[in-house]
Amino acid sequence: LGRLQSFNQRFDIRAPHFSLYVINELTKMLGPELTFRGGLKVITSIDLNLQDQAECVARTQVVRLGGADPATVLPSVTGAPSAAAAFLPAPRASDIGVDHNVNNASIVILDPTTGQILAMIGSLDYWNDAINGRFNVAVDGRRQPGSSFKPFTYLTAFSQGYTPATMVLDVRTAFAQDTGIPYVPENYDRQFHGPVSLRIALARSYNIPAVEMMSRVGVENVIRTAHRMGIDTLDRESSFYGLALTLGGGEVSLLDMTYAYSVMANKGQMAGQPIPVESRRGGYRALDPVAILRIEDSKGSLLTRCGDAERSDAPCDFTPPKTQQVLSAQLAYLITHVLSDTQARVGAFGSPNPLELDRPAAAKTGTTNNFVDNWALGYTPQIVTGVWVGNTDSTPMVKVTGLTGAAPIWHAIMMYAAQGLPPTGWDEPQGINHVTVCYPSGLLPTRDCQSAVNEIFIAGTEPVGYDSIWQSFQVNRETGKLATVYTPPELVDNRVYEILPPEAADWVREAGLPQPPIEYYTIYTPPEVAG
């Protein structure tokens, strides 16, 4: 540590967390002797302007969350104006001047098509964290991701044939556990929302549907999905995590989470540099994000011995990157279509909100219990950014959610980085079909369907059955009871009601959802037959 501090004082290290990450990667590739004897020229992936702008955005947001004037803008580390901070959304009126007890943030920015790390801010208090053994929150700091983990559950569900149109009940539910103690999750707004589609459930981040889907698809299968997409830190038995894993009950690093989201951004392909088999953490993924593009010796010649998954004498040139298809293009498109659905999100997040950009973008927030950690992760086809906000010592913040803490930083970085890039979305791959379905059942509409929506499906998962949620009943207009065949036609109304499964009975009653009468009006009798 002393040598690092001395080195920093001599050379004023830019991007210290990224620099140490590169040194660590070099040591793994070349060994400490070759790494530290000097003479190497290392070309890295960092975009220093983006790095500086991201850091000043994070510092500005943290200061504002501490109660500073909402117009406060801190300059970059070079003293240059913080152009990116101009994109920070205005805080809510109720947050202005309030000290929310926030002192730290971490950011990772990647190019999803190459896996290159464009910026890495491991902490806003580098030397204090180093003294306490926390060199890089982005890489080494394992934190609970909250609801930002939910996409792995829904991806697993989609891979098993569930669809964005699948109906799930957001009602009070007690889930059985191995401990024998039922697990009764709550939504962040402490409300139940009745029947919802998986699209709405994920876009609005409802907790109960996420746990329901976890129980259906299996905790172990969700962990496999996360491993395949790059999450190396979930290394315990599935029973250790339980159903709460879908709400962020495990611990992950920001770098891993951002890398996993890059797979969704890149049509299911992971891009990066190969990891030698003996160096793979848990053997879960074969590629790593790229920090080093090229290594030359003192004469400017390309160094060898860097190695990859197959060769130990490979040249030290990591362009172009290796790629691996870890999700089908259809699965990646499906989850991106939901995470970028701004209209589906509005019911919970309002509009405008920090997850909306001036172009198509997919995003997800996360907030842990007692406001200890909050996250915002999201992407366009060209860039993916992950943001964590919290306190280094894990003390709780004061009412700071992913939407109010991390998401404004994500928004500002994405808007700044996207300048000059075409506002493109994601091309629809082959094997995606559009079908009109009835909401909320997700089945084919009947003439009684009261809400038809267009939904996308992976070919072969389209509904074949017809809706039975919306049902028509003949009701006596005068009495409100069911009509019989003897009720005069002029008194018969055809009324359509929403009939939900029995497990929603309490919610139906508490929500006051109109239900059909259960009694027939029998005063009318058959006409007498002439003798």
Foldseek 3Di string as FASTA:
>chain_A
DVVVVVVCVVPVDQQVLLVVVVLVLCCVQPNPVVSPVDFKDFDWQEDRVLQQLLLQLQVLLLVQLQQDAQVDGDDTPVRHRNPLNVLQDGFDPVRHRHGQPFAWKWKWKAFLVALGTHYTDQINDQVVCVVVVNRGQQPPNWDQFFQLLLLLLVLLVQVVLAAQQAKDFQDFDFPQAPVRHTDTDAFPVRDGDTIAGNLLCSLQVGDPVSLVSCVVRDQVSSVLSLLLLQFLQPPDDSSVQHSCVNRRSGITHNQRSQQSQSCLLQLQKRWAFADACVPDRVSSYGGHRTTTAFMAGNVRHFAFQSDHNPDRTHTRGCPRTDMDRSDHSQSSVRSLVSQQPPVSNCVNQNPPFLQDAPAGKGKDKGADPLQQKIKIWIDASGMIMIMIIHDPVSDHTHPAYNRNRVSSSVSSSCRVVCVPPDRDHDDNDPQKDKDKPAPNNQAREDPQRPHIDIGIGRPPSHHDDYDDQKDWFWAQQVPQAGEDPQPPPVRIDIDIAGHDDPVCVVVCVVVVGDDHHDHYDPPGDDDDDDD
